[in-house]
Amino acid sequence: RLQKLKEMFISKFGSAPKFYARAPGRVNLIGEHIDYCGYAVLPMAIEQDILIAVEPVQTQVVQLANTNSSYLDFSTSVNNIQINQTKPQWHNYFLCGLKGIQEHFGLNNPTGMNCLLDGTIPPSSGLSSSSALVCCAGLVTLRANGKTLSKVELAEVCTKSERYIGTEGGGMDQSISFLAEEGTAKLIEFNPLRATDVRLPSGATFVIANSCVEMNKAATSHYNIRVMECRLATKVLSKSKGLDWKKMLRLHDVQSKLGVSLEEMLTIVEEVLHPEPYSTEEICKCLGISLEQLRSQILSQNMQDVSTFKLYQRAKHVYSEAARVLEFKKICSEAPANTLQLLGELMKQSHISCREMYECSCPELDRLVDICLQSGAIGSRLTGAGWGGCTVSMVPTDKLDTFLKDVKKAYYQTDDQRLAGENSLFATKPGRGALVFIEA
């Protein structure tokens, strides 16, 4: 693959690349939609990645090309980075990483570059292809400009810079992309960012299945509405408990300020919030503010027209999912005799909560989860933002071949659109994180 990339680079730019950078995609085993609420998640890097061949140049121009001809070439001056949020194209994610590093170091005359990109992560599949591209671009820009940052700092810069495209992500994707190590999943905690090894049980293999429903989270409001619903739930819960609600942004803040357990937070959610959707008027009444204040001080620009918010369901999902992550890690480290059954149960509960409380599944994902469970998976759930994308299933290693065959038959071969290529259904093991390499 490297040789092929090098040859294409030479034919495109007329000279050889000076270095290469790669950043992996990821699968989140458990802990969906809770990183931006301040809670730990449990992802692992996958073998699929973004690989970029790079040659720093004297002109202050970045030229981007892609080995996939359906992604058009792009070039821009490094001193005038414009990121289009309305219809994000592939190069906009590269520009996020580029701009993030430039701003972090206050680079006045950043180095120009010729870059050729090759990706093996299926796009819009919930395996974090866009974040891998942002991370890879950040790494490339860092290296081309002769700067250094620790992996943790790089993850933090890339998390912030992905927001240039309008996605209010929480940092899981960027953190695992840099902090991943071969052979182990990671418990990723935030504020401060840290990663702890989680050894996955032997005897099981994790399998990714693509629903073939594409979901581009920057191009959709579903994702950002959920972020806002969690923020509003935070404010209403804080106010009801006499906390300084104006300063509270994330559901984790409420728990840590009250000094209670996740189970106790679930009880508080039942007491304080009601399952019916909240109108903007009711939220104003709860917080004792005017509609004008709500719109100008709390709701983001793209939320001004949303008239109802589900606070109870979102908070309930977040606190229960955060508890499942900690339980998953505990089971992995204690390794009781029925480890696989216990982990499988947590994965199933996570999917039900994503489907019913967070409403981020879709009929195809639900059907795919059912097929995976019927085909021998011990646990299965959607992974990534949802609304399409992939499922992750835990399958006994000795049943892997029949599992793959049965899922292929039941989900993919019934539909011409979904004929399973290599990219649609594959087993994966924890891969390593982002890196730069130079040809020997």
Protein backbone atom coordinates (compact mmCIF):
# COMPACT_ATOMS: atom_id res chain seq x y z
CA ARG A 1 0.00 0.00 0.00
CA LEU A 2 2.84 2.40 0.88
CA GLN A 3 4.64 1.65 -2.37
CA LYS A 4 1.47 2.27 -4.35
CA LEU A 5 0.85 5.54 -2.49
CA LYS A 6 4.43 6.65 -3.19
CA GLU A 7 4.12 5.90 -6.91
CA MET A 8 0.83 7.79 -7.16
CA PHE A 9 2.38 10.71 -5.25
CA ILE A 10 5.32 10.91 -7.67
CA SER A 11 3.07 10.81 -10.72
CA LYS A 12 0.82 13.49 -9.19
CA PHE A 13 3.39 15.94 -7.80
CA GLY A 14 6.55 15.04 -9.72
CA SER A 15 8.68 14.30 -6.64
CA ALA A 16 8.74 11.79 -3.79
CA PRO A 17 7.03 12.25 -0.40
CA LYS A 18 9.34 13.15 2.51
CA PHE A 19 7.26 11.43 5.18
CA TYR A 20 3.96 9.64 5.88
CA ALA A 21 1.41 9.94 8.68
CA ARG A 22 -1.35 7.53 9.64
CA ALA A 23 -4.27 7.80 12.04
CA PRO A 24 -6.63 4.89 12.76
CA GLY A 25 -10.40 4.75 12.86
CA ARG A 26 -12.00 3.46 16.03
CA VAL A 27 -14.84 1.37 17.31
CA ASN A 28 -16.46 2.29 20.60
CA LEU A 29 -17.18 -0.91 22.53
CA ILE A 30 -19.46 0.85 25.02
CA GLY A 31 -20.18 4.41 26.13
CA GLU A 32 -22.14 6.12 23.35
CA HIS A 33 -22.87 9.87 23.40
CA ILE A 34 -21.39 10.42 26.84
CA ASP A 35 -17.90 11.82 26.08
CA TYR A 36 -19.32 15.32 25.48
CA CYS A 37 -21.17 15.00 28.79
CA GLY A 38 -17.81 14.54 30.56
CA TYR A 39 -17.93 10.75 31.03
CA ALA A 40 -15.37 8.05 30.31
CA VAL A 41 -15.73 5.88 27.20
CA LEU A 42 -14.25 2.57 26.13
CA PRO A 43 -13.05 2.54 22.50
CA MET A 44 -10.30 0.73 20.65
CA ALA A 45 -8.46 1.70 17.47
CA ILE A 46 -9.18 -0.49 14.45
CA GLU A 47 -6.76 -1.52 11.74
CA GLN A 48 -8.49 0.62 9.08
CA ASP A 49 -6.89 4.06 8.85
CA ILE A 50 -6.15 7.30 7.02
CA LEU A 51 -2.67 7.39 5.49
CA ILE A 52 -1.18 10.60 4.08
CA ALA A 53 2.01 10.97 2.02
CA VAL A 54 3.53 14.43 2.45
CA GLU A 55 6.12 16.69 0.92
CA PRO A 56 6.67 20.10 2.56
CA VAL A 57 7.15 22.79 -0.13
CA GLN A 58 8.53 26.33 -0.35
CA THR A 59 5.31 27.92 -1.61
CA GLN A 60 2.65 28.72 0.96
CA VAL A 61 0.10 26.50 -0.68
CA VAL A 62 -1.42 23.23 0.48
CA GLN A 63 -2.31 20.87 -2.35
CA LEU A 64 -4.53 17.96 -1.38
CA ALA A 65 -5.28 14.92 -3.50
CA ASN A 66 -7.02 11.64 -2.73
CA THR A 67 -6.35 8.15 -4.10
CA ASN A 68 -10.13 7.79 -4.38
CA SER A 69 -11.08 9.68 -7.55
CA SER A 70 -14.56 10.48 -6.25
CA TYR A 71 -12.88 12.93 -3.83
CA LEU A 72 -11.78 15.96 -5.82
CA ASP A 73 -8.38 17.66 -5.58
CA PHE A 74 -8.20 20.84 -3.56
CA SER A 75 -5.64 23.55 -2.99
CA THR A 76 -5.54 26.69 -0.85
CA SER A 77 -3.16 29.24 0.59
CA VAL A 78 -2.01 28.25 4.10
CA ASN A 79 -2.62 31.81 5.21
CA ASN A 80 -6.27 31.84 4.27
CA ILE A 81 -8.00 28.74 5.60
CA GLN A 82 -11.76 28.81 4.98
CA ILE A 83 -13.78 25.91 6.39
CA ASN A 84 -17.22 25.40 4.91
CA GLN A 85 -19.68 24.17 7.55
CA THR A 86 -22.75 24.04 5.37
CA LYS A 87 -21.68 21.21 3.09
CA PRO A 88 -18.51 19.67 4.54
CA GLN A 89 -16.37 18.00 1.90
CA TRP A 90 -13.42 15.73 2.64
CA HIS A 91 -10.79 18.49 2.43
CA ASN A 92 -12.60 20.56 5.09
CA TYR A 93 -11.66 17.93 7.69
CA PHE A 94 -8.03 18.17 6.63
CA LEU A 95 -8.24 21.96 6.97
CA CYS A 96 -9.58 21.59 10.53
CA GLY A 97 -6.41 19.76 11.60
CA LEU A 98 -4.21 22.19 9.70
CA LYS A 99 -5.88 25.26 11.19
CA GLY A 100 -5.89 23.77 14.70
CA ILE A 101 -2.10 23.35 14.72
CA GLN A 102 -1.53 26.76 13.10
CA GLU A 103 -3.63 28.50 15.73
CA HIS A 104 -2.17 26.51 18.62
CA PHE A 105 1.34 27.66 17.76
CA GLY A 106 0.34 31.03 16.26
CA LEU A 107 2.23 30.14 13.06
CA ASN A 108 2.56 33.25 10.89
CA ASN A 109 4.13 31.66 7.84
CA PRO A 110 3.19 28.00 7.94
CA THR A 111 4.87 25.57 5.55
CA GLY A 112 3.08 24.67 2.33
CA MET A 113 2.60 20.99 1.56
CA ASN A 114 1.71 18.52 -1.15
CA CYS A 115 -0.40 15.73 0.34
CA LEU A 116 -1.88 12.55 -1.08
CA LEU A 117 -4.41 10.79 1.08
CA ASP A 118 -5.48 7.16 1.14
CA GLY A 119 -8.24 5.92 3.45
CA THR A 120 -9.49 2.45 4.32
CA ILE A 121 -12.14 3.49 6.90
CA PRO A 122 -15.62 3.31 5.33
CA PRO A 123 -16.91 6.93 5.28
CA SER A 124 -19.98 7.99 7.30
CA SER A 125 -20.06 4.59 8.99
CA GLY A 126 -19.59 5.64 12.61
CA LEU A 127 -15.98 4.40 12.66
CA SER A 128 -14.63 7.91 12.90
CA SER A 129 -13.17 8.45 9.44
CA SER A 130 -13.61 12.22 9.73
CA SER A 131 -11.84 12.48 13.11
CA ALA A 132 -9.04 10.22 11.85
CA LEU A 133 -8.58 12.65 8.95
CA VAL A 134 -8.52 15.67 11.30
CA CYS A 135 -5.95 13.91 13.53
CA CYS A 136 -3.81 12.84 10.59
CA ALA A 137 -3.85 16.39 9.19
CA GLY A 138 -2.87 17.78 12.60
CA LEU A 139 0.04 15.35 12.78
CA VAL A 140 1.14 16.19 9.23
CA THR A 141 1.04 19.95 9.91
CA LEU A 142 2.94 19.53 13.18
CA ARG A 143 5.69 17.54 11.49
CA ALA A 144 5.95 19.76 8.37
CA ASN A 145 6.39 22.83 10.59
CA GLY A 146 9.00 21.19 12.82
CA LYS A 147 6.87 21.41 15.98
CA THR A 148 6.24 18.84 18.70
CA LEU A 149 3.37 18.10 21.08
CA SER A 150 2.63 15.18 23.40
CA LYS A 151 -0.06 12.73 22.28
CA VAL A 152 -2.43 14.10 24.90
CA GLU A 153 -1.89 17.69 23.73
CA LEU A 154 -2.35 16.65 20.11
CA ALA A 155 -5.62 14.90 20.95
CA GLU A 156 -6.85 18.03 22.74
CA VAL A 157 -5.89 20.36 19.87
CA CYS A 158 -7.55 18.08 17.30
CA THR A 159 -10.72 17.79 19.41
CA LYS A 160 -11.04 21.58 19.47
CA SER A 161 -10.19 21.97 15.81
CA GLU A 162 -12.87 19.53 14.63
CA ARG A 163 -15.39 22.02 16.01
CA TYR A 164 -14.48 24.37 13.14
CA ILE A 165 -16.74 22.18 11.03
CA GLY A 166 -19.67 22.58 13.43
CA THR A 167 -19.62 19.22 15.25
CA GLU A 168 -19.81 19.53 19.04
CA GLY A 169 -17.85 16.32 19.71
CA GLY A 170 -16.46 15.34 23.06
CA GLY A 171 -12.95 14.12 22.30
CA MET A 172 -13.22 10.35 22.33
CA ASP A 173 -12.36 9.89 18.65
CA GLN A 174 -9.28 12.10 18.70
CA SER A 175 -8.05 10.66 22.02
CA ILE A 176 -8.17 7.03 20.94
CA SER A 177 -6.64 7.94 17.57
CA PHE A 178 -3.49 9.20 19.33
CA LEU A 179 -3.45 7.16 22.56
CA ALA A 180 -4.35 3.72 21.21
CA GLU A 181 -1.91 0.83 21.65
CA GLU A 182 -1.92 -2.49 19.87
CA GLY A 183 -3.65 -5.32 21.70
CA THR A 184 -5.65 -3.27 24.21
CA ALA A 185 -8.83 -1.21 24.33
CA LYS A 186 -8.68 1.97 26.43
CA LEU A 187 -10.82 3.57 29.09
CA ILE A 188 -10.58 7.23 28.11
CA GLU A 189 -11.35 9.79 30.80
CA PHE A 190 -11.60 13.53 30.32
CA ASN A 191 -10.54 16.64 32.29
CA PRO A 192 -7.67 15.84 32.52
CA LEU A 193 -7.41 13.52 29.53
CA ARG A 194 -6.02 10.09 30.41
CA ALA A 195 -6.17 6.58 29.01
CA THR A 196 -6.06 3.28 30.92
CA ASP A 197 -5.53 -0.12 29.30
CA VAL A 198 -8.52 -2.46 29.28
CA ARG A 199 -7.56 -6.02 28.37
CA LEU A 200 -10.38 -7.59 26.42
CA PRO A 201 -11.32 -11.17 27.29
CA SER A 202 -9.73 -13.99 25.33
CA GLY A 203 -12.16 -16.30 23.60
CA ALA A 204 -14.14 -13.49 21.99
CA THR A 205 -13.66 -11.47 18.81
CA PHE A 206 -15.21 -8.10 18.05
CA VAL A 207 -16.92 -7.86 14.67
CA ILE A 208 -17.99 -4.68 12.91
CA ALA A 209 -20.99 -4.77 10.57
CA ASN A 210 -21.92 -1.76 8.45
CA SER A 211 -25.67 -1.10 8.16
CA CYS A 212 -24.86 0.67 4.85
CA VAL A 213 -26.97 3.64 5.98
CA GLU A 214 -24.67 6.64 5.79
CA MET A 215 -24.77 9.27 8.46
CA ASN A 216 -22.61 12.36 8.30
CA LYS A 217 -22.78 13.86 11.76
CA ALA A 218 -21.59 17.32 10.73
CA ALA A 219 -24.31 17.52 8.11
CA THR A 220 -27.10 16.64 10.50
CA SER A 221 -28.76 18.43 13.35
CA HIS A 222 -29.67 15.22 15.24
CA TYR A 223 -26.28 15.07 16.89
CA ASN A 224 -26.10 18.73 17.90
CA ILE A 225 -29.68 18.65 19.23
CA ARG A 226 -28.67 15.79 21.57
CA VAL A 227 -25.69 17.80 22.80
CA MET A 228 -28.05 20.71 23.56
CA GLU A 229 -30.64 18.47 25.26
CA CYS A 230 -27.91 17.19 27.58
CA ARG A 231 -26.84 20.76 28.32
CA LEU A 232 -30.42 21.83 29.10
CA ALA A 233 -30.94 18.75 31.32
CA THR A 234 -27.75 19.77 33.15
CA LYS A 235 -29.14 23.26 33.79
CA VAL A 236 -32.58 22.10 34.94
CA LEU A 237 -31.14 19.40 37.25
CA SER A 238 -28.63 21.90 38.69
CA LYS A 239 -31.31 24.52 39.33
CA SER A 240 -33.55 21.99 41.09
CA LYS A 241 -30.68 21.12 43.45
CA GLY A 242 -29.79 24.74 44.22
CA LEU A 243 -26.49 24.65 42.31
CA ASP A 244 -25.10 27.57 40.29
CA TRP A 245 -26.79 26.30 37.11
CA LYS A 246 -25.40 29.04 34.87
CA LYS A 247 -21.89 27.60 35.27
CA MET A 248 -22.95 23.99 34.69
CA LEU A 249 -22.45 22.70 31.17
CA ARG A 250 -22.28 18.90 31.34
CA LEU A 251 -24.19 16.18 33.11
CA HIS A 252 -20.97 15.04 34.78
CA ASP A 253 -20.68 18.49 36.43
CA VAL A 254 -23.96 17.91 38.28
CA GLN A 255 -22.85 14.55 39.63
CA SER A 256 -19.45 15.78 40.77
CA LYS A 257 -20.89 18.95 42.39
CA LEU A 258 -23.48 16.90 44.29
CA GLY A 259 -20.88 14.25 45.16
CA VAL A 260 -23.26 11.35 44.50
CA SER A 261 -23.05 8.06 42.59
CA LEU A 262 -24.36 7.44 39.08
CA GLU A 263 -27.17 5.33 40.59
CA GLU A 264 -28.18 8.27 42.79
CA MET A 265 -28.11 10.57 39.74
CA LEU A 266 -30.58 8.23 38.02
CA THR A 267 -32.91 8.56 41.02
CA ILE A 268 -32.59 12.36 40.85
CA VAL A 269 -33.47 12.27 37.13
CA GLU A 270 -36.65 10.30 37.98
CA GLU A 271 -37.58 12.83 40.70
CA VAL A 272 -36.81 16.05 38.85
CA LEU A 273 -37.45 15.50 35.13
CA HIS A 274 -40.61 14.28 33.38
CA PRO A 275 -40.66 12.00 30.34
CA GLU A 276 -42.81 14.36 28.23
CA PRO A 277 -40.80 16.70 26.00
CA TYR A 278 -40.07 20.16 27.43
CA SER A 279 -41.16 23.20 25.44
CA THR A 280 -38.80 26.20 25.33
CA GLU A 281 -41.39 28.06 27.48
CA GLU A 282 -41.28 25.37 30.16
CA ILE A 283 -37.48 25.37 30.19
CA CYS A 284 -37.54 29.15 30.67
CA LYS A 285 -39.98 28.72 33.56
CA CYS A 286 -37.79 26.04 35.20
CA LEU A 287 -34.71 28.28 34.96
CA GLY A 288 -36.50 31.56 35.68
CA ILE A 289 -35.30 33.26 32.50
CA SER A 290 -36.92 34.83 29.44
CA LEU A 291 -37.11 33.20 26.01
CA GLU A 292 -34.74 35.89 24.78
CA GLN A 293 -32.17 34.91 27.46
CA LEU A 294 -32.54 31.22 26.62
CA ARG A 295 -31.91 31.93 22.95
CA SER A 296 -29.02 34.30 23.39
CA GLN A 297 -27.24 32.68 26.36
CA ILE A 298 -27.83 28.94 26.11
CA LEU A 299 -29.11 27.79 22.71
CA SER A 300 -26.49 27.70 19.96
CA GLN A 301 -27.10 29.43 16.64
CA ASN A 302 -28.38 26.30 14.91
CA MET A 303 -30.84 25.48 17.73
CA GLN A 304 -32.88 28.69 17.62
CA ASP A 305 -35.82 27.08 15.80
CA VAL A 306 -36.05 23.88 17.88
CA SER A 307 -39.18 24.13 20.01
CA THR A 308 -39.13 20.96 22.16
CA PHE A 309 -36.37 19.05 23.94
CA LYS A 310 -36.33 15.63 25.61
CA LEU A 311 -34.39 16.08 28.84
CA TYR A 312 -35.45 13.05 30.90
CA GLN A 313 -34.60 10.46 28.23
CA ARG A 314 -31.21 11.98 27.37
CA ALA A 315 -30.08 12.34 31.00
CA LYS A 316 -31.27 8.82 31.81
CA HIS A 317 -29.27 7.40 28.91
CA VAL A 318 -26.11 9.30 29.81
CA TYR A 319 -26.02 8.34 33.51
CA SER A 320 -26.91 4.69 32.86
CA GLU A 321 -24.44 4.40 29.97
CA ALA A 322 -21.66 5.98 32.08
CA ALA A 323 -22.32 3.30 34.72
CA ARG A 324 -22.19 0.55 32.04
CA VAL A 325 -18.74 1.73 30.92
CA LEU A 326 -17.33 1.45 34.45
CA GLU A 327 -18.97 -1.95 34.91
CA PHE A 328 -17.53 -3.17 31.57
CA LYS A 329 -14.02 -2.17 32.64
CA LYS A 330 -14.47 -3.79 36.06
CA ILE A 331 -15.61 -7.09 34.53
CA CYS A 332 -12.64 -7.08 32.12
CA SER A 333 -10.17 -6.59 34.97
CA GLU A 334 -11.78 -9.06 37.40
CA ALA A 335 -12.42 -11.65 34.64
CA PRO A 336 -15.07 -13.82 36.38
CA ALA A 337 -16.01 -17.18 34.83
CA ASN A 338 -19.04 -15.68 33.05
CA THR A 339 -17.18 -12.61 31.73
CA LEU A 340 -18.47 -12.91 28.16
CA GLN A 341 -22.11 -13.23 29.25
CA LEU A 342 -21.82 -10.19 31.55
CA LEU A 343 -20.15 -8.02 28.89
CA GLY A 344 -22.67 -9.17 26.29
CA GLU A 345 -25.53 -8.16 28.57
CA LEU A 346 -24.04 -4.65 28.99
CA MET A 347 -23.71 -4.27 25.22
CA LYS A 348 -27.36 -5.27 24.74
CA GLN A 349 -28.53 -2.83 27.42
CA SER A 350 -26.45 -0.08 25.80
CA HIS A 351 -28.16 -0.65 22.45
CA ILE A 352 -31.64 -0.59 24.01
CA SER A 353 -30.82 2.69 25.76
CA CYS A 354 -29.44 4.20 22.53
CA ARG A 355 -32.57 3.11 20.70
CA GLU A 356 -35.21 4.08 23.27
CA MET A 357 -33.75 6.82 25.44
CA TYR A 358 -31.29 8.55 23.12
CA GLU A 359 -33.18 7.72 19.92
CA CYS A 360 -30.00 7.53 17.86
CA SER A 361 -30.61 4.17 16.20
CA CYS A 362 -32.50 3.45 12.97
CA PRO A 363 -34.53 0.45 11.70
CA GLU A 364 -31.57 -0.99 9.78
CA LEU A 365 -29.28 -0.85 12.84
CA ASP A 366 -31.93 -2.49 15.03
CA ARG A 367 -32.41 -5.23 12.46
CA LEU A 368 -28.66 -5.75 12.13
CA VAL A 369 -28.26 -6.03 15.94
CA ASP A 370 -31.06 -8.64 16.01
CA ILE A 371 -29.45 -10.61 13.16
CA CYS A 372 -26.05 -10.53 14.91
CA LEU A 373 -27.55 -11.81 18.17
CA GLN A 374 -29.48 -14.55 16.31
CA SER A 375 -26.28 -15.50 14.45
CA GLY A 376 -24.39 -16.21 17.68
CA ALA A 377 -23.11 -12.86 19.01
CA ILE A 378 -23.09 -12.69 22.82
CA GLY A 379 -23.59 -8.92 22.69
CA SER A 380 -24.27 -6.42 19.91
CA ARG A 381 -24.96 -2.69 19.73
CA LEU A 382 -24.73 0.33 17.46
CA THR A 383 -21.37 2.09 17.61
CA GLY A 384 -20.51 5.68 16.76
CA ALA A 385 -23.06 8.48 16.63
CA GLY A 386 -25.78 6.20 15.26
CA TRP A 387 -28.62 7.06 12.84
CA GLY A 388 -26.82 4.68 10.49
CA GLY A 389 -23.25 3.46 10.41
CA CYS A 390 -22.09 0.28 12.13
CA THR A 391 -22.80 -2.23 14.84
CA VAL A 392 -20.15 -3.90 16.97
CA SER A 393 -20.71 -7.46 18.17
CA MET A 394 -18.83 -9.71 20.55
CA VAL A 395 -18.62 -13.19 19.07
CA PRO A 396 -17.07 -16.37 20.56
CA THR A 397 -13.90 -16.85 18.51
CA ASP A 398 -14.72 -20.49 17.76
CA LYS A 399 -18.06 -19.42 16.21
CA LEU A 400 -16.63 -16.57 14.12
CA ASP A 401 -16.77 -18.24 10.70
CA THR A 402 -20.39 -19.37 10.95
CA PHE A 403 -21.32 -15.97 12.43
CA LEU A 404 -19.85 -14.10 9.45
CA LYS A 405 -21.53 -16.46 7.00
CA ASP A 406 -24.96 -16.16 8.68
CA VAL A 407 -24.88 -12.36 8.97
CA LYS A 408 -23.80 -12.04 5.35
CA LYS A 409 -26.70 -14.19 4.27
CA ALA A 410 -29.35 -12.60 6.49
CA TYR A 411 -28.46 -8.91 6.10
CA TYR A 412 -26.29 -8.32 3.07
CA GLN A 413 -27.38 -10.86 0.47
CA THR A 414 -31.03 -9.85 0.74
CA ASP A 415 -30.28 -6.43 -0.72
CA ASP A 416 -28.36 -5.55 -3.87
CA GLN A 417 -27.34 -2.24 -2.36
CA ARG A 418 -25.64 -3.95 0.54
CA LEU A 419 -23.68 -6.80 -0.99
CA ALA A 420 -21.04 -7.21 1.65
CA GLY A 421 -17.65 -6.20 0.38
CA GLU A 422 -14.65 -6.59 2.66
CA ASN A 423 -15.57 -3.20 4.08
CA SER A 424 -19.02 -4.10 5.31
CA LEU A 425 -18.38 -6.96 7.71
CA PHE A 426 -15.06 -7.67 9.38
CA ALA A 427 -13.49 -8.88 12.59
CA THR A 428 -11.07 -6.46 14.19
CA LYS A 429 -8.60 -6.36 17.05
CA PRO A 430 -7.24 -3.36 18.96
CA GLY A 431 -4.74 -1.54 16.74
CA ARG A 432 -2.10 1.10 17.43
CA GLY A 433 -2.47 4.86 17.44
CA ALA A 434 -1.43 7.63 15.05
CA LEU A 435 2.20 7.96 13.99
CA VAL A 436 4.59 9.57 11.53
CA PHE A 437 7.13 7.49 9.65
CA ILE A 438 9.89 8.09 7.16
CA GLU A 439 11.06 5.55 4.64
CA ALA A 440 14.28 3.82 5.65
